[in-house]
Amino acid sequence: LRRARLVRGFLDNAGRAGLYWPALKLMAGPTQALEPVPEIGWFAETGVEVNLAAGNYEAARRWAAFIDAPYTANRPSDPLAHWIALADIADPAVTSGHGRNLAAVEALAARGRFGPDLLHRLVTVLDALDIAVPMPLWDLAGRAPQPAGGHLPDTGVLSELADASQKKQFGRTVLLAMRAIGPGTADGAHMIALGDSLRALKRAGLGVEARQLALEALFEAWPRTVGP
């Protein structure tokens, strides 16, 4: 209990300083020493976040599932089931059945928990990674206002990116993807630049990097039971 409180307190302070993501990675070690038990049930969402940031996707699923039922049951009513969907998107080891937990995302989106920007970003990510987008999410995104903001690279960068990825020029593809995303994080990129970057990385054989970029594009705005 004391360790869980210390980890949460550290993350709260880091979040106020704008350092939440790197702080999550720093807490991977201390969190590994914790097991999902009812006494620290309030820590479950933090456990999910820490393990996602650290790339420990199976541990993230365990924390998301232990409150109600095993994640294999795919119950969209479970309060943290939408985090399992995000773990599936991020996990390069999941090569089939990516969308098995998207029902939880659909349920939250139908209740208005996904804003227009996040809805469009999610649909862009799923489509770029060749994950089947459920029709309810397509419909909701189609009715939501199109995001107008986000970083767009200079003219020609996206064409160069496509060319580099088709030629399997790994280093050039990564550098051009960085230019396409821009100086900020992936959640600040324009939808076109984000989708093209994900497709290029995947086409060039950099699937792990594409999944990591997808996670970073969605993570900050992902619905939480409590804010970071």
C-alpha atoms as a PDB file:
ATOM      1  CA  LEU A   1       0.000   0.000   0.000  1.00  0.00           C
ATOM      2  CA  ARG A   2       2.807   2.415   0.878  1.00  0.00           C
ATOM      3  CA  ARG A   3       4.682   1.687  -2.362  1.00  0.00           C
ATOM      4  CA  ALA A   4       1.517   2.228  -4.426  1.00  0.00           C
ATOM      5  CA  ARG A   5       0.884   5.571  -2.704  1.00  0.00           C
ATOM      6  CA  LEU A   6       4.470   6.689  -3.288  1.00  0.00           C
ATOM      7  CA  VAL A   7       4.326   5.784  -6.978  1.00  0.00           C
ATOM      8  CA  ARG A   8       1.010   7.607  -7.411  1.00  0.00           C
ATOM      9  CA  GLY A   9       2.309  10.661  -5.550  1.00  0.00           C
ATOM     10  CA  PHE A  10       5.441  10.802  -7.691  1.00  0.00           C
ATOM     11  CA  LEU A  11       3.363  10.593 -10.875  1.00  0.00           C
ATOM     12  CA  ASP A  12       0.994  13.331  -9.705  1.00  0.00           C
ATOM     13  CA  ASN A  13       3.941  15.673  -9.096  1.00  0.00           C
ATOM     14  CA  ALA A  14       5.511  14.762 -12.436  1.00  0.00           C
ATOM     15  CA  GLY A  15       2.209  15.373 -14.212  1.00  0.00           C
ATOM     16  CA  ARG A  16       1.992  18.880 -12.785  1.00  0.00           C
ATOM     17  CA  ALA A  17       5.507  19.519 -14.118  1.00  0.00           C
ATOM     18  CA  GLY A  18       4.587  18.243 -17.604  1.00  0.00           C
ATOM     19  CA  LEU A  19       6.725  15.107 -17.232  1.00  0.00           C
ATOM     20  CA  TYR A  20       4.053  12.434 -16.888  1.00  0.00           C
ATOM     21  CA  TRP A  21       5.193  10.128 -19.734  1.00  0.00           C
ATOM     22  CA  PRO A  22       8.875   9.872 -18.715  1.00  0.00           C
ATOM     23  CA  ALA A  23       7.797   9.527 -15.079  1.00  0.00           C
ATOM     24  CA  LEU A  24       5.631   6.532 -15.996  1.00  0.00           C
ATOM     25  CA  LYS A  25       8.683   4.834 -17.519  1.00  0.00           C
ATOM     26  CA  LEU A  26      10.727   5.578 -14.391  1.00  0.00           C
ATOM     27  CA  MET A  27       8.091   3.867 -12.255  1.00  0.00           C
ATOM     28  CA  ALA A  28       8.215   0.599 -14.216  1.00  0.00           C
ATOM     29  CA  GLY A  29      10.596  -1.003 -11.700  1.00  0.00           C
ATOM     30  CA  PRO A  30       8.707  -0.093  -8.512  1.00  0.00           C
ATOM     31  CA  THR A  31       5.390  -1.082 -10.102  1.00  0.00           C
ATOM     32  CA  GLN A  32       6.712  -4.512 -11.100  1.00  0.00           C
ATOM     33  CA  ALA A  33       7.026  -5.280  -7.387  1.00  0.00           C
ATOM     34  CA  LEU A  34       3.266  -4.774  -6.943  1.00  0.00           C
ATOM     35  CA  GLU A  35       0.606  -7.369  -7.644  1.00  0.00           C
ATOM     36  CA  PRO A  36      -3.042  -6.593  -8.485  1.00  0.00           C
ATOM     37  CA  VAL A  37      -4.878  -7.187  -5.213  1.00  0.00           C
ATOM     38  CA  PRO A  38      -8.130  -5.693  -3.854  1.00  0.00           C
ATOM     39  CA  GLU A  39      -6.290  -3.639  -1.200  1.00  0.00           C
ATOM     40  CA  ILE A  40      -4.812  -1.446  -3.939  1.00  0.00           C
ATOM     41  CA  GLY A  41      -7.646  -1.699  -6.447  1.00  0.00           C
ATOM     42  CA  TRP A  42      -7.573   2.091  -6.759  1.00  0.00           C
ATOM     43  CA  PHE A  43      -4.057   1.728  -8.254  1.00  0.00           C
ATOM     44  CA  ALA A  44      -5.222  -0.424 -11.186  1.00  0.00           C
ATOM     45  CA  GLU A  45      -5.405   2.341 -13.769  1.00  0.00           C
ATOM     46  CA  THR A  46      -1.986   3.631 -12.732  1.00  0.00           C
ATOM     47  CA  GLY A  47      -0.637   0.091 -13.090  1.00  0.00           C
ATOM     48  CA  VAL A  48      -2.028  -0.021 -16.620  1.00  0.00           C
ATOM     49  CA  GLU A  49      -0.455   3.324 -17.550  1.00  0.00           C
ATOM     50  CA  VAL A  50       2.972   2.479 -16.146  1.00  0.00           C
ATOM     51  CA  ASN A  51       3.127  -0.866 -17.903  1.00  0.00           C
ATOM     52  CA  LEU A  52       1.926   0.544 -21.221  1.00  0.00           C
ATOM     53  CA  ALA A  53       4.624   3.217 -21.117  1.00  0.00           C
ATOM     54  CA  ALA A  54       7.223   0.561 -20.273  1.00  0.00           C
ATOM     55  CA  GLY A  55       6.062  -1.818 -23.015  1.00  0.00           C
ATOM     56  CA  ASN A  56       4.907  -4.480 -20.526  1.00  0.00           C
ATOM     57  CA  TYR A  57       1.627  -5.123 -22.312  1.00  0.00           C
ATOM     58  CA  GLU A  58       0.642  -8.371 -20.613  1.00  0.00           C
ATOM     59  CA  ALA A  59       1.114  -6.740 -17.199  1.00  0.00           C
ATOM     60  CA  ALA A  60      -1.002  -3.803 -18.385  1.00  0.00           C
ATOM     61  CA  ARG A  61      -3.781  -6.228 -19.330  1.00  0.00           C
ATOM     62  CA  ARG A  62      -3.565  -7.927 -15.916  1.00  0.00           C
ATOM     63  CA  TRP A  63      -4.007  -4.622 -14.100  1.00  0.00           C
ATOM     64  CA  ALA A  64      -6.895  -3.644 -16.366  1.00  0.00           C
ATOM     65  CA  ALA A  65      -8.686  -6.948 -15.886  1.00  0.00           C
ATOM     66  CA  PHE A  66      -8.270  -7.938 -12.253  1.00  0.00           C
ATOM     67  CA  ILE A  67     -11.106  -5.827 -10.813  1.00  0.00           C
ATOM     68  CA  ASP A  68     -13.939  -7.667 -12.553  1.00  0.00           C
ATOM     69  CA  ALA A  69     -13.075 -10.523 -14.873  1.00  0.00           C
ATOM     70  CA  PRO A  70     -10.307 -11.986 -17.026  1.00  0.00           C
ATOM     71  CA  TYR A  71      -9.732  -9.860 -20.103  1.00  0.00           C
ATOM     72  CA  THR A  72     -10.387 -12.862 -22.326  1.00  0.00           C
ATOM     73  CA  ALA A  73     -14.049 -12.522 -21.362  1.00  0.00           C
ATOM     74  CA  ASN A  74     -14.146  -9.248 -23.350  1.00  0.00           C
ATOM     75  CA  ARG A  75     -16.792  -7.580 -21.213  1.00  0.00           C
ATOM     76  CA  PRO A  76     -17.204  -3.996 -22.468  1.00  0.00           C
ATOM     77  CA  SER A  77     -18.844  -3.050 -19.163  1.00  0.00           C
ATOM     78  CA  ASP A  78     -15.604  -3.629 -17.211  1.00  0.00           C
ATOM     79  CA  PRO A  79     -14.386  -0.174 -16.123  1.00  0.00           C
ATOM     80  CA  LEU A  80     -10.862  -0.541 -17.536  1.00  0.00           C
ATOM     81  CA  ALA A  81     -11.595  -2.763 -20.553  1.00  0.00           C
ATOM     82  CA  HIS A  82     -10.865   0.091 -22.979  1.00  0.00           C
ATOM     83  CA  TRP A  83      -7.250   0.053 -21.728  1.00  0.00           C
ATOM     84  CA  ILE A  84      -6.958  -3.554 -22.912  1.00  0.00           C
ATOM     85  CA  ALA A  85      -7.965  -2.351 -26.377  1.00  0.00           C
ATOM     86  CA  LEU A  86      -5.161   0.218 -26.229  1.00  0.00           C
ATOM     87  CA  ALA A  87      -2.699  -2.482 -25.127  1.00  0.00           C
ATOM     88  CA  ASP A  88      -3.734  -4.563 -28.149  1.00  0.00           C
ATOM     89  CA  ILE A  89      -3.089  -1.583 -30.441  1.00  0.00           C
ATOM     90  CA  ALA A  90       0.353  -0.989 -28.921  1.00  0.00           C
ATOM     91  CA  ASP A  91       1.504  -4.605 -28.609  1.00  0.00           C
ATOM     92  CA  PRO A  92       3.481  -5.802 -31.668  1.00  0.00           C
ATOM     93  CA  ALA A  93       3.002  -9.391 -30.494  1.00  0.00           C
ATOM     94  CA  VAL A  94      -0.746  -9.120 -31.191  1.00  0.00           C
ATOM     95  CA  THR A  95      -0.881  -9.964 -34.886  1.00  0.00           C
ATOM     96  CA  SER A  96      -4.500 -11.163 -35.081  1.00  0.00           C
ATOM     97  CA  GLY A  97      -7.728 -10.293 -33.372  1.00  0.00           C
ATOM     98  CA  HIS A  98      -6.512  -6.750 -32.712  1.00  0.00           C
ATOM     99  CA  GLY A  99     -10.036  -5.455 -32.274  1.00  0.00           C
ATOM    100  CA  ARG A 100     -11.353  -8.042 -29.838  1.00  0.00           C
ATOM    101  CA  ASN A 101     -11.634  -5.482 -27.059  1.00  0.00           C
ATOM    102  CA  LEU A 102     -12.850  -2.554 -29.151  1.00  0.00           C
ATOM    103  CA  ALA A 103     -16.399  -3.174 -27.905  1.00  0.00           C
ATOM    104  CA  ALA A 104     -15.395  -1.380 -24.700  1.00  0.00           C
ATOM    105  CA  VAL A 105     -14.166   1.569 -26.748  1.00  0.00           C
ATOM    106  CA  GLU A 106     -17.438   1.640 -28.693  1.00  0.00           C
ATOM    107  CA  ALA A 107     -19.402   1.708 -25.437  1.00  0.00           C
ATOM    108  CA  LEU A 108     -17.420   4.665 -24.069  1.00  0.00           C
ATOM    109  CA  ALA A 109     -17.559   6.536 -27.369  1.00  0.00           C
ATOM    110  CA  ALA A 110     -21.336   6.124 -27.480  1.00  0.00           C
ATOM    111  CA  ARG A 111     -21.506   7.753 -24.034  1.00  0.00           C
ATOM    112  CA  GLY A 112     -19.483  10.733 -25.216  1.00  0.00           C
ATOM    113  CA  ARG A 113     -16.216   9.818 -23.470  1.00  0.00           C
ATOM    114  CA  PHE A 114     -14.247  10.180 -26.721  1.00  0.00           C
ATOM    115  CA  GLY A 115     -14.045  13.754 -27.963  1.00  0.00           C
ATOM    116  CA  PRO A 116     -14.038  14.524 -31.717  1.00  0.00           C
ATOM    117  CA  ASP A 117     -10.245  14.818 -31.924  1.00  0.00           C
ATOM    118  CA  LEU A 118      -9.636  11.510 -30.137  1.00  0.00           C
ATOM    119  CA  LEU A 119     -12.308   9.747 -32.203  1.00  0.00           C
ATOM    120  CA  HIS A 120     -10.688  10.824 -35.470  1.00  0.00           C
ATOM    121  CA  ARG A 121      -7.227  10.023 -34.124  1.00  0.00           C
ATOM    122  CA  LEU A 122      -8.340   6.529 -33.060  1.00  0.00           C
ATOM    123  CA  VAL A 123      -9.965   5.765 -36.418  1.00  0.00           C
ATOM    124  CA  THR A 124      -6.852   7.071 -38.214  1.00  0.00           C
ATOM    125  CA  VAL A 125      -4.585   4.829 -36.116  1.00  0.00           C
ATOM    126  CA  LEU A 126      -6.714   1.704 -36.543  1.00  0.00           C
ATOM    127  CA  ASP A 127      -7.040   2.181 -40.295  1.00  0.00           C
ATOM    128  CA  ALA A 128      -3.301   2.854 -40.727  1.00  0.00           C
ATOM    129  CA  LEU A 129      -2.398  -0.288 -38.768  1.00  0.00           C
ATOM    130  CA  ASP A 130      -4.869  -2.416 -40.801  1.00  0.00           C
ATOM    131  CA  ILE A 131      -7.048  -3.055 -37.753  1.00  0.00           C
ATOM    132  CA  ALA A 132     -10.715  -3.359 -38.696  1.00  0.00           C
ATOM    133  CA  VAL A 133     -12.582  -0.260 -37.512  1.00  0.00           C
ATOM    134  CA  PRO A 134     -16.009  -1.147 -36.043  1.00  0.00           C
ATOM    135  CA  MET A 135     -18.833   0.536 -37.930  1.00  0.00           C
ATOM    136  CA  PRO A 136     -20.138   2.373 -34.823  1.00  0.00           C
ATOM    137  CA  LEU A 137     -16.746   4.099 -34.489  1.00  0.00           C
ATOM    138  CA  TRP A 138     -16.758   5.023 -38.193  1.00  0.00           C
ATOM    139  CA  ASP A 139     -20.260   6.460 -37.774  1.00  0.00           C
ATOM    140  CA  LEU A 140     -19.385   8.453 -34.655  1.00  0.00           C
ATOM    141  CA  ALA A 141     -16.221   9.828 -36.259  1.00  0.00           C
ATOM    142  CA  GLY A 142     -18.150  10.702 -39.413  1.00  0.00           C
ATOM    143  CA  ARG A 143     -20.613  12.785 -37.379  1.00  0.00           C
ATOM    144  CA  ALA A 144     -17.901  14.490 -35.313  1.00  0.00           C
ATOM    145  CA  PRO A 145     -16.267  17.732 -36.477  1.00  0.00           C
ATOM    146  CA  GLN A 146     -13.062  17.206 -38.436  1.00  0.00           C
ATOM    147  CA  PRO A 147     -10.003  18.352 -36.440  1.00  0.00           C
ATOM    148  CA  ALA A 148      -8.408  21.327 -38.153  1.00  0.00           C
ATOM    149  CA  GLY A 149      -5.217  21.575 -36.101  1.00  0.00           C
ATOM    150  CA  GLY A 150      -2.047  19.567 -35.756  1.00  0.00           C
ATOM    151  CA  HIS A 151       1.392  19.773 -37.298  1.00  0.00           C
ATOM    152  CA  LEU A 152       1.614  19.349 -41.069  1.00  0.00           C
ATOM    153  CA  PRO A 153       5.116  18.941 -42.548  1.00  0.00           C
ATOM    154  CA  ASP A 154       6.550  20.950 -45.426  1.00  0.00           C
ATOM    155  CA  THR A 155       5.341  20.155 -48.936  1.00  0.00           C
ATOM    156  CA  GLY A 156       7.009  17.034 -50.291  1.00  0.00           C
ATOM    157  CA  VAL A 157       7.870  15.404 -46.951  1.00  0.00           C
ATOM    158  CA  LEU A 158       4.959  12.934 -47.027  1.00  0.00           C
ATOM    159  CA  SER A 159       5.776  11.969 -50.645  1.00  0.00           C
ATOM    160  CA  GLU A 160       9.407  11.384 -49.691  1.00  0.00           C
ATOM    161  CA  LEU A 161       8.251   9.349 -46.700  1.00  0.00           C
ATOM    162  CA  ALA A 162       6.115   7.093 -48.880  1.00  0.00           C
ATOM    163  CA  ASP A 163       8.999   6.633 -51.331  1.00  0.00           C
ATOM    164  CA  ALA A 164      11.509   5.786 -48.575  1.00  0.00           C
ATOM    165  CA  SER A 165       9.186   3.227 -47.002  1.00  0.00           C
ATOM    166  CA  GLN A 166       8.475   1.518 -50.328  1.00  0.00           C
ATOM    167  CA  LYS A 167      12.227   1.192 -50.893  1.00  0.00           C
ATOM    168  CA  LYS A 168      12.674  -0.185 -47.351  1.00  0.00           C
ATOM    169  CA  GLN A 169      15.123   2.596 -46.488  1.00  0.00           C
ATOM    170  CA  PHE A 170      14.753   2.201 -42.745  1.00  0.00           C
ATOM    171  CA  GLY A 171      16.846   5.121 -41.512  1.00  0.00           C
ATOM    172  CA  ARG A 172      15.425   7.553 -44.048  1.00  0.00           C
ATOM    173  CA  THR A 173      11.898   6.383 -43.263  1.00  0.00           C
ATOM    174  CA  VAL A 174      12.368   7.018 -39.543  1.00  0.00           C
ATOM    175  CA  LEU A 175      13.886  10.468 -40.099  1.00  0.00           C
ATOM    176  CA  LEU A 176      11.114  11.485 -42.480  1.00  0.00           C
ATOM    177  CA  ALA A 177       8.460  10.140 -40.104  1.00  0.00           C
ATOM    178  CA  MET A 178       9.973  12.344 -37.385  1.00  0.00           C
ATOM    179  CA  ARG A 179       9.725  15.353 -39.719  1.00  0.00           C
ATOM    180  CA  ALA A 180       6.132  14.442 -40.559  1.00  0.00           C
ATOM    181  CA  ILE A 181       5.090  14.186 -36.896  1.00  0.00           C
ATOM    182  CA  GLY A 182       6.817  17.463 -36.063  1.00  0.00           C
ATOM    183  CA  PRO A 183       8.684  18.871 -33.076  1.00  0.00           C
ATOM    184  CA  GLY A 184       6.062  17.835 -30.530  1.00  0.00           C
ATOM    185  CA  THR A 185       4.631  14.439 -29.625  1.00  0.00           C
ATOM    186  CA  ALA A 186       2.545  12.203 -31.869  1.00  0.00           C
ATOM    187  CA  ASP A 187      -0.734  13.398 -30.338  1.00  0.00           C
ATOM    188  CA  GLY A 188      -0.002  16.850 -31.782  1.00  0.00           C
ATOM    189  CA  ALA A 189       0.460  15.709 -35.378  1.00  0.00           C
ATOM    190  CA  HIS A 190      -2.091  16.399 -38.100  1.00  0.00           C
ATOM    191  CA  MET A 191      -4.288  13.382 -38.863  1.00  0.00           C
ATOM    192  CA  ILE A 192      -2.892  13.073 -42.399  1.00  0.00           C
ATOM    193  CA  ALA A 193       0.711  13.169 -41.164  1.00  0.00           C
ATOM    194  CA  LEU A 194      -0.039  10.647 -38.410  1.00  0.00           C
ATOM    195  CA  GLY A 195      -1.750   8.174 -40.731  1.00  0.00           C
ATOM    196  CA  ASP A 196       0.943   8.448 -43.403  1.00  0.00           C
ATOM    197  CA  SER A 197       3.711   8.016 -40.814  1.00  0.00           C
ATOM    198  CA  LEU A 198       2.147   4.876 -39.353  1.00  0.00           C
ATOM    199  CA  ARG A 199       1.620   3.353 -42.801  1.00  0.00           C
ATOM    200  CA  ALA A 200       5.176   4.182 -43.856  1.00  0.00           C
ATOM    201  CA  LEU A 201       6.755   2.646 -40.761  1.00  0.00           C
ATOM    202  CA  LYS A 202       4.651  -0.479 -41.164  1.00  0.00           C
ATOM    203  CA  ARG A 203       5.411  -0.717 -44.904  1.00  0.00           C
ATOM    204  CA  ALA A 204       9.137  -0.401 -44.245  1.00  0.00           C
ATOM    205  CA  GLY A 205       9.060  -3.317 -41.805  1.00  0.00           C
ATOM    206  CA  LEU A 206       9.150  -1.125 -38.686  1.00  0.00           C
ATOM    207  CA  GLY A 207       5.968  -2.495 -37.142  1.00  0.00           C
ATOM    208  CA  VAL A 208       7.195  -2.174 -33.551  1.00  0.00           C
ATOM    209  CA  GLU A 209       7.938   1.519 -34.072  1.00  0.00           C
ATOM    210  CA  ALA A 210       4.552   2.036 -35.727  1.00  0.00           C
ATOM    211  CA  ARG A 211       2.764   0.519 -32.729  1.00  0.00           C
ATOM    212  CA  GLN A 212       4.752   2.701 -30.307  1.00  0.00           C
ATOM    213  CA  LEU A 213       3.875   5.801 -32.308  1.00  0.00           C
ATOM    214  CA  ALA A 214       0.208   4.778 -32.277  1.00  0.00           C
ATOM    215  CA  LEU A 215       0.287   4.430 -28.489  1.00  0.00           C
ATOM    216  CA  GLU A 216       1.855   7.862 -28.074  1.00  0.00           C
ATOM    217  CA  ALA A 217      -0.766   9.383 -30.379  1.00  0.00           C
ATOM    218  CA  LEU A 218      -3.648   8.074 -28.261  1.00  0.00           C
ATOM    219  CA  PHE A 219      -2.330   7.780 -24.721  1.00  0.00           C
ATOM    220  CA  GLU A 220      -2.670  11.287 -23.306  1.00  0.00           C
ATOM    221  CA  ALA A 221      -6.325  11.771 -24.299  1.00  0.00           C
ATOM    222  CA  TRP A 222      -7.416   8.175 -23.515  1.00  0.00           C
ATOM    223  CA  PRO A 223     -10.408   8.212 -21.112  1.00  0.00           C
ATOM    224  CA  ARG A 224      -9.483   7.789 -17.463  1.00  0.00           C
ATOM    225  CA  THR A 225     -11.443   7.194 -14.311  1.00  0.00           C
ATOM    226  CA  VAL A 226      -9.206   9.817 -12.663  1.00  0.00           C
ATOM    227  CA  GLY A 227      -6.992  12.363 -14.375  1.00  0.00           C
ATOM    228  CA  PRO A 228      -3.180  12.135 -14.305  1.00  0.00           C
END
